[in-house]
Amino acid sequence: MRTTLARRGAVVSVLALLVLAGCGAAGSEPGPPSTSPTPTATVSRPADGVSLSALGFENGPVDRVFVPVGAQLATRVDQTNNVTLVLTAPSAAALTDFYRRTATGNGFVVTADDPATTTLTFSGFGWTGTFTGDARASALLLRPAS
């Protein structure tokens, strides 16, 4: 029971981080954009990744966004206006590296990358993505671009 409550607390903490990151993003200036490729139609499935479509997701860029093989998915939302994954493993730093590599490798443009806060933002194909995490859990949020 204690483990379940601790996990729920971690999930709530990460979701709160996403809400705060989303609210702060409108009024803050992001760091300089990372060098990234021009969006293309080519999809490059990473050898260490599983697509969202293979995990049963139906909304969002499900064939262009991946989760590392063996990742522990704590909860998920799959809606037309919001796709969210909360992960408890691997670490936030490892996931940031994974999303930095796979986002640019699949034609997304990284618009903000802050290693100090373990936050990565990217866009492309009509969607924006935000990844953030801490020592307890991480979350990937995908929303239609406005």
Protein backbone atom coordinates (compact mmCIF):
# COMPACT_ATOMS: atom_id res chain seq x y z
CA MET A 1 0.00 0.00 0.00
CA ARG A 2 2.81 2.38 0.86
CA THR A 3 4.47 1.79 -2.55
CA THR A 4 1.20 2.53 -4.35
CA LEU A 5 0.76 5.79 -2.42
CA ALA A 6 4.35 6.78 -3.12
CA ARG A 7 3.83 6.10 -6.85
CA ARG A 8 0.63 8.11 -6.88
CA GLY A 9 2.47 10.96 -5.16
CA ALA A 10 5.19 10.80 -7.82
CA VAL A 11 2.61 10.81 -10.63
CA VAL A 12 0.81 13.79 -9.09
CA SER A 13 4.16 15.59 -8.69
CA VAL A 14 5.09 15.07 -12.34
CA LEU A 15 1.65 16.10 -13.56
CA ALA A 16 1.92 19.24 -11.42
CA LEU A 17 5.31 19.93 -13.01
CA LEU A 18 3.74 19.63 -16.46
CA VAL A 19 0.95 22.03 -15.56
CA LEU A 20 3.45 24.53 -14.18
CA ALA A 21 5.74 24.10 -17.18
CA GLY A 22 2.79 24.67 -19.52
CA CYS A 23 1.68 27.76 -17.62
CA GLY A 24 5.19 29.18 -17.41
CA ALA A 25 5.97 28.51 -21.04
CA ALA A 26 3.56 31.18 -22.26
CA GLY A 27 5.23 33.97 -20.28
CA SER A 28 8.86 32.86 -20.39
CA GLU A 29 11.43 33.00 -23.11
CA PRO A 30 12.86 29.62 -24.06
CA GLY A 31 16.58 29.09 -24.47
CA PRO A 32 18.10 29.02 -27.90
CA PRO A 33 16.70 26.28 -30.14
CA SER A 34 18.83 23.22 -30.64
CA THR A 35 20.21 22.43 -34.04
CA SER A 36 17.86 19.92 -35.54
CA PRO A 37 16.91 18.57 -38.93
CA THR A 38 14.17 19.87 -41.14
CA PRO A 39 11.00 17.84 -40.59
CA THR A 40 10.74 15.02 -43.10
CA ALA A 41 8.28 12.28 -43.86
CA THR A 42 10.87 9.60 -43.02
CA VAL A 43 10.43 7.72 -39.75
CA SER A 44 13.45 6.15 -38.12
CA ARG A 45 12.44 3.58 -35.49
CA PRO A 46 15.19 3.45 -32.89
CA ALA A 47 16.48 -0.06 -32.13
CA ASP A 48 15.86 0.65 -28.44
CA GLY A 49 12.34 2.06 -28.89
CA VAL A 50 8.70 1.05 -29.23
CA SER A 51 6.25 3.36 -31.04
CA LEU A 52 3.20 4.77 -29.31
CA SER A 53 1.06 3.00 -31.90
CA ALA A 54 2.61 -0.36 -30.89
CA LEU A 55 1.59 0.47 -27.31
CA GLY A 56 -2.02 0.97 -28.40
CA PHE A 57 -2.12 4.77 -28.58
CA GLU A 58 -4.41 6.12 -31.28
CA ASN A 59 -3.96 9.89 -31.01
CA GLY A 60 -1.01 12.10 -31.81
CA PRO A 61 2.04 11.32 -33.90
CA VAL A 62 1.89 7.66 -32.78
CA ASP A 63 4.31 6.38 -35.43
CA ARG A 64 6.91 9.12 -34.80
CA VAL A 65 7.12 9.12 -31.00
CA PHE A 66 8.71 6.24 -29.14
CA VAL A 67 9.16 4.88 -25.62
CA PRO A 68 12.37 3.09 -24.67
CA VAL A 69 12.14 -0.70 -24.63
CA GLY A 70 11.58 -1.76 -21.02
CA ALA A 71 10.25 1.62 -19.86
CA GLN A 72 7.79 1.45 -16.98
CA LEU A 73 4.57 3.25 -17.88
CA ALA A 74 2.70 4.31 -14.73
CA THR A 75 -0.30 5.95 -16.39
CA ARG A 76 -1.44 7.19 -19.76
CA VAL A 77 -3.95 9.49 -21.43
CA ASP A 78 -4.86 9.01 -25.09
CA GLN A 79 -7.21 11.76 -26.26
CA THR A 80 -7.45 13.80 -29.45
CA ASN A 81 -6.28 16.94 -27.66
CA ASN A 82 -3.84 15.44 -25.15
CA VAL A 83 -1.56 12.42 -25.12
CA THR A 84 0.30 11.94 -21.83
CA LEU A 85 2.62 9.21 -20.61
CA VAL A 86 3.92 9.10 -17.04
CA LEU A 87 6.99 6.90 -16.70
CA THR A 88 8.72 5.67 -13.55
CA ALA A 89 11.75 4.20 -15.35
CA PRO A 90 14.27 4.73 -16.82
CA SER A 91 15.65 7.86 -15.14
CA ALA A 92 14.62 11.34 -16.25
CA ALA A 93 18.15 12.00 -17.56
CA ALA A 94 18.14 8.80 -19.64
CA LEU A 95 14.67 9.60 -21.00
CA THR A 96 15.71 13.16 -21.89
CA ASP A 97 18.63 11.76 -23.89
CA PHE A 98 16.30 9.25 -25.55
CA TYR A 99 13.72 11.92 -26.53
CA ARG A 100 16.40 14.36 -27.64
CA ARG A 101 17.78 11.69 -30.01
CA THR A 102 14.51 10.22 -31.25
CA ALA A 103 12.62 13.50 -31.67
CA THR A 104 15.23 15.03 -33.95
CA GLY A 105 15.81 11.70 -35.67
CA ASN A 106 12.15 11.61 -36.67
CA GLY A 107 11.87 15.14 -38.01
CA PHE A 108 10.74 17.08 -34.93
CA VAL A 109 12.38 20.41 -34.17
CA VAL A 110 13.68 20.83 -30.62
CA THR A 111 12.52 24.28 -29.50
CA ALA A 112 13.87 24.22 -25.93
CA ASP A 113 16.32 21.98 -24.11
CA ASP A 114 17.16 22.63 -20.47
CA PRO A 115 19.32 19.90 -18.91
CA ALA A 116 19.23 21.70 -15.54
CA THR A 117 15.47 21.13 -15.25
CA THR A 118 15.38 17.93 -17.32
CA THR A 119 12.96 19.55 -19.74
CA LEU A 120 12.79 19.18 -23.50
CA THR A 121 10.25 20.77 -25.85
CA PHE A 122 9.82 19.86 -29.51
CA SER A 123 7.35 20.40 -32.33
CA GLY A 124 6.41 19.10 -35.75
CA PHE A 125 3.74 17.39 -37.80
CA GLY A 126 1.00 19.50 -36.19
CA TRP A 127 2.00 18.59 -32.61
CA THR A 128 4.06 19.98 -29.76
CA GLY A 129 5.72 17.79 -27.18
CA THR A 130 7.08 18.50 -23.72
CA PHE A 131 9.12 16.08 -21.66
CA THR A 132 10.05 16.71 -18.03
CA GLY A 133 10.99 14.61 -15.06
CA ASP A 134 12.58 14.34 -11.65
CA ALA A 135 14.03 11.58 -9.47
CA ARG A 136 10.60 9.94 -8.96
CA ALA A 137 8.90 10.00 -12.35
CA SER A 138 8.88 11.60 -15.80
CA ALA A 139 6.14 12.65 -18.18
CA LEU A 140 5.76 13.19 -21.89
CA LEU A 141 2.90 15.45 -22.98
CA LEU A 142 1.83 15.79 -26.61
CA ARG A 143 -0.74 18.34 -27.77
CA PRO A 144 -1.95 19.58 -31.13
CA ALA A 145 -0.03 22.68 -32.19
CA SER A 146 -2.07 25.84 -32.08
